[in-house]
Amino acid sequence: MLITSDAKTQLEDTLAKMAEAAELDQTRWNRLKSAYEAISKWLSDDSHFFGEVEIEIYPQGSVAIGTTTKPYGKTEFDLDVVIHIKLLSSNYDPETIFNEVVRRLMENETYSKMCEPKSRCVRLNYQGDFHLDVIPGCMVVVYNDELIDIPDAKIKEWLRSCPKGYQKWFIDIANRIQITLLEKAFSAHKVEIEEYAKKKPLQRAVQLIKMRRNIFFNENPEDAPASIILTTLAAQFYDGEPSISETFENIISKIKSHVETLYPHRPFELPNPVNPEENLADVWIDKPHLYQHFISFIKNLDGEWQKLKEAHGIEEESTLMKGMFGNEPYVKAMEAKAETMNHKRGNGLGILPSGVLVDRAVEKSLPVKDNTFYGD
């Protein structure tokens, strides 16, 4: 992490490190990759249906766009992968495809104990690591490799989707900013940029929004707005800001204004940017109370952020950040900063007192007792 006397850069660094603390780490990412590659092989080895069929399997959603966030108070991530079956959906009914996927997974001794069929996916529960939603999809047309039809086992219909297209749409928007505030700061300090600082402000802002969402709806998770709604709105309102804090604030401000000005009482539609016929917020039509919960969340998010901006002193700021985004991510961020400071001290590089931001509880837990951290 950076040790800097600039308050804006210091906040930016902390926000990035907190978001990193809540995301899928490299170890679990490797396990995820191994898991879905094993699923692909098991399907391909099928002698009944899938053996002669070309299959492509790939992550979708938060994994694909770099915005994973661990559910609050839990150890397991909710992750999605697509089984792209190179068969035309027009030649099959959705039940057949869905049931064949379930059948094949249930034939595996390991998967059969983890398998939980849902309406549009088959969930595999990897204890202590993640819930993996395996989503089957067939080709819509042979000349478009992005568009797929997903079987809905409950309503027995095909549902159009475009996960690869959505990934490209989001990443293209995130990449509107070429050099971020953190990248400039690392360059100014003449140190190699660390991995956590390489993600774009839009990706980090989406993670922070979801982290706050998970805390706000902790006791009633069924009322929480879906990640696809929050992610799509964030991308649509992103204007190329170079910092996480500016991105976060402007997105929330614009969503709040959009709701209060145009849709204070009735929900708005949210067309899928890569499949406009799909309303990503269609749940609000059948359950309008969820839209009111969404409004309450956005207002709370805006209010808490304004409090953080007006915070006086490190202790008030740390209390607000832990309240907004969770104690664990904040503590991990501060431990990382303390480790950086210890490394600098060990190398005789010195420490900038005004750049230190360490929570008192973290300070007491550190193994090196003779360091002095300036947290007041």
Protein backbone atom coordinates (compact mmCIF):
# COMPACT_ATOMS: atom_id res chain seq x y z
CA MET A 1 0.00 0.00 0.00
CA LEU A 2 0.96 3.63 -0.38
CA ILE A 3 2.16 5.70 2.55
CA THR A 4 1.33 9.25 1.58
CA SER A 5 0.60 12.61 3.17
CA ASP A 6 -2.11 13.39 0.61
CA ALA A 7 -5.52 12.76 2.21
CA LYS A 8 -7.33 12.13 -1.09
CA THR A 9 -4.79 9.55 -2.22
CA GLN A 10 -4.79 7.97 1.22
CA LEU A 11 -8.58 7.53 1.10
CA GLU A 12 -8.33 6.16 -2.43
CA ASP A 13 -5.73 3.63 -1.39
CA THR A 14 -7.80 2.50 1.58
CA LEU A 15 -10.98 2.10 -0.49
CA ALA A 16 -9.12 0.00 -3.07
CA LYS A 17 -7.58 -2.21 -0.41
CA MET A 18 -10.94 -2.69 1.34
CA ALA A 19 -12.57 -3.75 -1.92
CA GLU A 20 -9.71 -6.15 -2.57
CA ALA A 21 -10.16 -7.65 0.91
CA ALA A 22 -13.76 -8.57 0.06
CA GLU A 23 -13.13 -10.03 -3.40
CA LEU A 24 -12.29 -13.49 -4.70
CA ASP A 25 -8.61 -14.07 -3.95
CA GLN A 26 -6.19 -15.79 -6.31
CA THR A 27 -6.33 -19.08 -4.40
CA ARG A 28 -10.10 -19.33 -4.71
CA TRP A 29 -9.96 -18.12 -8.29
CA ASN A 30 -7.65 -21.06 -9.08
CA ARG A 31 -10.07 -23.42 -7.34
CA LEU A 32 -12.96 -21.96 -9.32
CA LYS A 33 -11.08 -22.46 -12.59
CA SER A 34 -10.25 -26.05 -11.67
CA ALA A 35 -13.88 -26.63 -10.67
CA TYR A 36 -15.46 -25.47 -13.90
CA GLU A 37 -12.82 -27.16 -16.06
CA ALA A 38 -13.61 -30.43 -14.26
CA ILE A 39 -17.33 -29.89 -14.90
CA SER A 40 -16.62 -29.31 -18.59
CA LYS A 41 -14.60 -32.51 -18.83
CA TRP A 42 -17.28 -34.52 -17.03
CA LEU A 43 -19.94 -33.30 -19.44
CA SER A 44 -17.73 -33.92 -22.48
CA ASP A 45 -17.07 -37.50 -21.35
CA ASP A 46 -20.80 -38.24 -21.42
CA SER A 47 -21.70 -41.11 -23.76
CA HIS A 48 -25.42 -40.36 -23.79
CA PHE A 49 -25.90 -36.73 -24.87
CA PHE A 50 -22.96 -34.35 -24.45
CA GLY A 51 -20.15 -36.58 -25.71
CA GLU A 52 -20.48 -35.50 -29.35
CA VAL A 53 -21.42 -31.89 -28.57
CA GLU A 54 -18.99 -28.97 -28.47
CA ILE A 55 -19.09 -27.27 -25.07
CA GLU A 56 -17.52 -24.02 -23.92
CA ILE A 57 -17.56 -23.11 -20.24
CA TYR A 58 -16.72 -19.66 -18.90
CA PRO A 59 -17.39 -17.38 -15.91
CA GLN A 60 -20.10 -14.77 -16.12
CA GLY A 61 -21.27 -11.91 -13.93
CA SER A 62 -19.02 -10.50 -11.23
CA VAL A 63 -16.20 -12.97 -11.88
CA ALA A 64 -16.06 -12.01 -15.56
CA ILE A 65 -16.09 -8.25 -14.95
CA GLY A 66 -13.88 -8.17 -11.85
CA THR A 67 -16.44 -7.11 -9.24
CA THR A 68 -16.73 -10.14 -6.94
CA THR A 69 -17.77 -9.40 -3.37
CA LYS A 70 -18.01 -11.86 -0.51
CA PRO A 71 -21.46 -11.94 1.15
CA TYR A 72 -21.41 -10.12 4.47
CA GLY A 73 -20.68 -12.38 7.43
CA LYS A 74 -20.15 -15.45 5.24
CA THR A 75 -17.12 -17.28 3.90
CA GLU A 76 -18.58 -18.59 0.63
CA PHE A 77 -18.87 -16.59 -2.59
CA ASP A 78 -21.82 -16.80 -4.98
CA LEU A 79 -20.33 -17.37 -8.44
CA ASP A 80 -21.68 -18.15 -11.92
CA VAL A 81 -20.36 -20.09 -14.89
CA VAL A 82 -22.02 -20.64 -18.25
CA ILE A 83 -22.08 -23.97 -20.04
CA HIS A 84 -22.29 -22.78 -23.63
CA ILE A 85 -23.67 -25.80 -25.50
CA LYS A 86 -23.07 -25.49 -29.24
CA LEU A 87 -26.54 -26.67 -30.20
CA LEU A 88 -29.30 -24.48 -31.62
CA SER A 89 -32.00 -23.81 -29.05
CA SER A 90 -34.63 -23.93 -31.79
CA ASN A 91 -33.98 -27.67 -32.15
CA TYR A 92 -34.61 -28.48 -28.50
CA ASP A 93 -37.11 -27.71 -25.81
CA PRO A 94 -35.63 -26.06 -22.69
CA GLU A 95 -36.60 -28.93 -20.40
CA THR A 96 -34.52 -31.41 -22.40
CA ILE A 97 -31.32 -29.38 -22.16
CA PHE A 98 -31.79 -28.55 -18.49
CA ASN A 99 -32.62 -32.14 -17.53
CA GLU A 100 -29.63 -33.50 -19.45
CA VAL A 101 -27.30 -31.22 -17.50
CA VAL A 102 -28.87 -32.31 -14.20
CA ARG A 103 -28.73 -35.97 -15.23
CA ARG A 104 -25.07 -35.85 -16.12
CA LEU A 105 -24.05 -34.03 -12.95
CA MET A 106 -26.06 -36.43 -10.80
CA GLU A 107 -24.17 -39.35 -12.35
CA ASN A 108 -21.00 -38.09 -10.68
CA GLU A 109 -20.56 -39.32 -7.11
CA THR A 110 -19.09 -36.01 -5.97
CA TYR A 111 -21.43 -33.66 -7.83
CA SER A 112 -24.53 -35.60 -6.80
CA LYS A 113 -23.87 -34.67 -3.17
CA MET A 114 -23.35 -31.00 -4.06
CA CYS A 115 -26.10 -30.63 -6.65
CA GLU A 116 -29.08 -28.32 -6.10
CA PRO A 117 -31.23 -27.74 -9.23
CA LYS A 118 -32.73 -24.24 -9.49
CA SER A 119 -35.07 -22.83 -12.13
CA ARG A 120 -32.33 -21.49 -14.45
CA CYS A 121 -29.18 -23.15 -13.15
CA VAL A 122 -27.78 -26.06 -11.22
CA ARG A 123 -26.04 -24.96 -8.04
CA LEU A 124 -23.00 -26.88 -6.84
CA ASN A 125 -22.07 -26.15 -3.24
CA TYR A 126 -18.32 -26.20 -2.65
CA GLN A 127 -18.21 -26.20 1.14
CA GLY A 128 -16.25 -23.28 2.57
CA ASP A 129 -15.32 -21.86 -0.84
CA PHE A 130 -18.25 -20.89 -3.06
CA HIS A 131 -21.68 -21.70 -4.41
CA LEU A 132 -21.25 -22.28 -8.13
CA ASP A 133 -24.33 -21.67 -10.26
CA VAL A 134 -23.89 -23.67 -13.46
CA ILE A 135 -26.02 -22.03 -16.15
CA PRO A 136 -26.65 -24.01 -19.35
CA GLY A 137 -27.20 -22.11 -22.57
CA CYS A 138 -27.65 -23.00 -26.25
CA MET A 139 -26.83 -21.08 -29.40
CA VAL A 140 -29.50 -18.78 -30.81
CA VAL A 141 -27.89 -18.52 -34.26
CA VAL A 142 -24.72 -20.11 -35.59
CA TYR A 143 -23.09 -16.81 -36.56
CA ASN A 144 -23.33 -15.17 -33.12
CA ASP A 145 -21.14 -16.72 -30.45
CA GLU A 146 -22.24 -14.29 -27.72
CA LEU A 147 -26.02 -14.70 -27.77
CA ILE A 148 -27.45 -17.71 -25.90
CA ASP A 149 -30.82 -19.06 -24.83
CA ILE A 150 -31.03 -20.21 -21.21
CA PRO A 151 -33.60 -22.86 -20.25
CA ASP A 152 -36.00 -21.90 -17.47
CA ALA A 153 -37.12 -25.20 -15.98
CA LYS A 154 -39.91 -23.57 -13.99
CA ILE A 155 -41.77 -21.82 -16.81
CA LYS A 156 -40.42 -24.23 -19.46
CA GLU A 157 -39.27 -21.47 -21.80
CA TRP A 158 -36.04 -20.19 -23.33
CA LEU A 159 -34.71 -16.91 -21.96
CA ARG A 160 -32.36 -14.82 -24.10
CA SER A 161 -29.02 -13.79 -22.60
CA CYS A 162 -25.66 -12.38 -23.68
CA PRO A 163 -23.06 -12.79 -20.89
CA LYS A 164 -20.03 -12.29 -23.14
CA GLY A 165 -21.58 -9.16 -24.63
CA TYR A 166 -22.35 -7.75 -21.18
CA GLN A 167 -18.80 -8.39 -20.04
CA LYS A 168 -17.40 -6.52 -23.04
CA TRP A 169 -19.89 -3.65 -22.55
CA PHE A 170 -18.92 -3.19 -18.89
CA ILE A 171 -15.16 -3.52 -19.37
CA ASP A 172 -15.21 -1.05 -22.27
CA ILE A 173 -16.89 1.53 -20.02
CA ALA A 174 -14.50 0.84 -17.12
CA ASN A 175 -11.56 1.37 -19.46
CA ARG A 176 -12.65 4.88 -20.41
CA ILE A 177 -10.14 6.12 -17.88
CA GLN A 178 -6.59 5.36 -19.00
CA ILE A 179 -4.58 6.41 -15.94
CA THR A 180 -6.25 6.34 -12.53
CA LEU A 181 -5.48 8.42 -9.46
CA LEU A 182 -3.81 5.44 -7.78
CA GLU A 183 -1.67 4.68 -10.82
CA LYS A 184 -0.47 8.29 -10.86
CA ALA A 185 0.28 8.10 -7.14
CA PHE A 186 2.36 4.93 -7.48
CA SER A 187 4.22 6.52 -10.38
CA ALA A 188 4.88 9.69 -8.35
CA HIS A 189 6.28 7.59 -5.49
CA LYS A 190 8.49 5.76 -8.01
CA VAL A 191 7.31 2.33 -6.91
CA GLU A 192 5.89 -0.51 -8.97
CA ILE A 193 2.11 -0.50 -8.98
CA GLU A 194 0.63 -3.28 -6.86
CA GLU A 195 -2.07 -5.64 -8.16
CA TYR A 196 -4.85 -4.22 -5.97
CA ALA A 197 -4.32 -0.77 -7.52
CA LYS A 198 -4.69 -1.97 -11.11
CA LYS A 199 -8.46 -2.32 -11.14
CA LYS A 200 -10.44 0.54 -12.61
CA PRO A 201 -12.44 2.96 -10.42
CA LEU A 202 -15.75 1.64 -11.83
CA GLN A 203 -14.91 -1.92 -10.80
CA ARG A 204 -13.96 -0.83 -7.28
CA ALA A 205 -17.02 1.43 -6.96
CA VAL A 206 -19.34 -1.44 -7.90
CA GLN A 207 -17.67 -3.64 -5.29
CA LEU A 208 -18.10 -0.98 -2.60
CA ILE A 209 -21.75 -0.45 -3.53
CA LYS A 210 -22.38 -4.18 -3.23
CA MET A 211 -20.46 -4.36 0.05
CA ARG A 212 -22.72 -1.66 1.49
CA ARG A 213 -25.77 -3.41 0.00
CA ASN A 214 -24.85 -6.65 1.76
CA ILE A 215 -24.61 -4.89 5.13
CA PHE A 216 -27.74 -2.76 4.66
CA PHE A 217 -29.85 -5.83 3.81
CA ASN A 218 -28.05 -8.24 6.11
CA GLU A 219 -31.18 -9.13 8.08
CA ASN A 220 -33.46 -9.19 5.01
CA PRO A 221 -31.33 -10.31 2.04
CA GLU A 222 -34.44 -11.13 0.01
CA ASP A 223 -35.19 -7.39 -0.19
CA ALA A 224 -31.78 -6.46 -1.62
CA PRO A 225 -31.47 -5.15 -5.19
CA ALA A 226 -29.79 -7.64 -7.52
CA SER A 227 -26.14 -7.12 -8.38
CA ILE A 228 -26.98 -6.89 -12.09
CA ILE A 229 -29.21 -3.87 -11.38
CA LEU A 230 -26.57 -2.05 -9.32
CA THR A 231 -23.77 -2.92 -11.74
CA THR A 232 -25.69 -1.81 -14.82
CA LEU A 233 -26.77 1.49 -13.26
CA ALA A 234 -23.22 2.16 -12.08
CA ALA A 235 -21.81 1.60 -15.56
CA GLN A 236 -24.50 3.70 -17.22
CA PHE A 237 -23.85 6.65 -14.90
CA TYR A 238 -20.04 6.36 -14.93
CA ASP A 239 -18.43 9.36 -16.62
CA GLY A 240 -14.77 8.38 -16.72
CA GLU A 241 -13.81 9.71 -13.28
CA PRO A 242 -10.16 8.87 -12.40
CA SER A 243 -10.71 7.99 -8.73
CA ILE A 244 -12.80 5.47 -6.81
CA SER A 245 -14.18 8.13 -4.47
CA GLU A 246 -15.33 10.41 -7.31
CA THR A 247 -16.77 7.47 -9.22
CA PHE A 248 -18.64 6.19 -6.17
CA GLU A 249 -20.02 9.60 -5.22
CA ASN A 250 -21.09 10.62 -8.72
CA ILE A 251 -22.78 7.31 -9.48
CA ILE A 252 -24.79 7.37 -6.25
CA SER A 253 -25.69 11.04 -6.72
CA LYS A 254 -26.90 10.41 -10.27
CA ILE A 255 -28.94 7.34 -9.34
CA LYS A 256 -30.51 9.25 -6.44
CA SER A 257 -31.37 12.19 -8.71
CA HIS A 258 -32.74 9.84 -11.39
CA VAL A 259 -35.04 8.18 -8.87
CA GLU A 260 -36.20 11.33 -7.05
CA THR A 261 -36.77 13.37 -10.21
CA LEU A 262 -38.36 10.84 -12.54
CA TYR A 263 -39.41 7.77 -10.58
CA PRO A 264 -40.19 8.64 -6.94
CA HIS A 265 -43.26 6.39 -6.76
CA ARG A 266 -43.12 3.86 -9.59
CA PRO A 267 -40.24 1.65 -10.70
CA PHE A 268 -38.35 2.31 -13.89
CA GLU A 269 -37.37 -0.25 -16.49
CA LEU A 270 -33.72 -1.14 -16.94
CA PRO A 271 -33.10 -2.60 -20.40
CA ASN A 272 -30.17 -4.96 -20.68
CA PRO A 273 -27.59 -2.89 -22.62
CA VAL A 274 -26.71 -5.86 -24.83
CA ASN A 275 -30.23 -7.31 -25.05
CA PRO A 276 -32.68 -4.37 -24.90
CA GLU A 277 -35.73 -6.64 -24.94
CA GLU A 278 -34.81 -7.83 -21.45
CA ASN A 279 -35.80 -5.68 -18.47
CA LEU A 280 -33.17 -6.35 -15.81
CA ALA A 281 -35.44 -4.80 -13.18
CA ASP A 282 -38.58 -6.76 -14.08
CA VAL A 283 -38.79 -8.03 -10.49
CA TRP A 284 -39.93 -4.53 -9.46
CA ILE A 285 -43.06 -4.91 -11.60
CA ASP A 286 -44.30 -7.96 -9.70
CA LYS A 287 -42.86 -6.86 -6.35
CA PRO A 288 -43.02 -3.04 -6.17
CA HIS A 289 -42.03 -3.08 -2.50
CA LEU A 290 -38.55 -4.13 -3.62
CA TYR A 291 -38.26 -0.88 -5.54
CA GLN A 292 -39.01 1.06 -2.36
CA HIS A 293 -36.26 -0.89 -0.60
CA PHE A 294 -33.93 0.03 -3.46
CA ILE A 295 -34.76 3.74 -3.00
CA SER A 296 -34.15 3.48 0.75
CA PHE A 297 -30.79 1.86 0.09
CA ILE A 298 -29.66 4.53 -2.37
CA LYS A 299 -30.65 7.31 0.03
CA ASN A 300 -28.80 5.59 2.86
CA LEU A 301 -25.74 5.08 0.68
CA ASP A 302 -25.68 8.75 -0.26
CA GLY A 303 -26.21 9.86 3.33
CA GLU A 304 -23.47 7.65 4.76
CA TRP A 305 -21.02 8.80 2.10
CA GLN A 306 -21.72 12.46 2.91
CA LYS A 307 -20.99 11.71 6.58
CA LEU A 308 -17.69 10.12 5.60
CA LYS A 309 -16.72 13.17 3.53
CA GLU A 310 -17.40 15.44 6.50
CA ALA A 311 -15.62 13.23 9.06
CA HIS A 312 -13.19 14.96 11.42
CA GLY A 313 -10.17 12.94 12.41
CA ILE A 314 -8.99 9.41 11.80
CA GLU A 315 -11.13 7.77 14.47
CA GLU A 316 -14.41 9.16 13.14
CA GLU A 317 -13.41 8.29 9.58
CA SER A 318 -12.46 4.73 10.51
CA THR A 319 -15.72 4.22 12.43
CA LEU A 320 -17.76 5.40 9.46
CA MET A 321 -15.82 3.29 6.95
CA LYS A 322 -16.24 0.16 9.05
CA GLY A 323 -19.93 0.89 9.43
CA MET A 324 -20.41 1.43 5.71
CA PHE A 325 -18.34 -1.40 4.27
CA GLY A 326 -17.64 -3.81 7.11
CA ASN A 327 -15.13 -4.18 9.92
CA GLU A 328 -13.18 -7.05 8.34
CA PRO A 329 -12.25 -5.30 5.05
CA TYR A 330 -11.19 -2.18 6.95
CA VAL A 331 -9.03 -4.11 9.42
CA LYS A 332 -7.37 -6.02 6.56
CA ALA A 333 -6.65 -2.76 4.75
CA MET A 334 -5.07 -1.28 7.87
CA GLU A 335 -3.01 -4.40 8.49
CA ALA A 336 -1.70 -4.16 4.93
CA LYS A 337 -0.79 -0.52 5.50
CA ALA A 338 0.97 -1.38 8.76
CA GLU A 339 2.92 -4.12 6.97
CA THR A 340 4.03 -1.60 4.35
CA MET A 341 5.15 0.79 7.08
CA ASN A 342 7.09 -1.95 8.87
CA HIS A 343 8.78 -2.85 5.59
CA LYS A 344 9.76 0.78 5.00
CA ARG A 345 11.09 1.06 8.55
CA GLY A 346 13.08 -2.14 8.09
CA ASN A 347 14.59 -0.76 4.90
CA GLY A 348 15.44 2.53 6.57
CA LEU A 349 13.18 4.47 4.23
CA GLY A 350 11.32 6.36 6.96
CA ILE A 351 7.61 6.97 7.52
CA LEU A 352 5.45 9.99 6.83
CA PRO A 353 3.42 10.51 10.03
CA SER A 354 0.60 12.33 8.24
CA GLY A 355 0.22 9.39 5.88
CA VAL A 356 -0.46 6.78 8.53
CA LEU A 357 -4.01 5.51 8.94
CA VAL A 358 -4.14 2.63 11.40
CA ASP A 359 -7.07 1.67 13.59
CA ARG A 360 -6.28 1.37 17.31
CA ALA A 361 -7.63 -2.20 17.45
CA VAL A 362 -5.37 -3.18 14.57
CA GLU A 363 -2.36 -1.49 16.13
CA LYS A 364 -2.73 -3.54 19.31
CA SER A 365 -2.91 -6.81 17.36
CA LEU A 366 0.29 -6.28 15.38
CA PRO A 367 3.25 -8.53 16.25
CA VAL A 368 5.77 -5.65 16.15
CA LYS A 369 5.27 -3.78 19.41
CA ASP A 370 7.88 -1.04 19.21
CA ASN A 371 6.36 0.85 16.27
CA THR A 372 4.42 4.04 16.84
CA PHE A 373 1.38 4.65 14.67
CA TYR A 374 -0.21 8.06 14.44
CA GLY A 375 -3.96 7.51 14.46
CA ASP A 376 -5.18 10.68 16.16
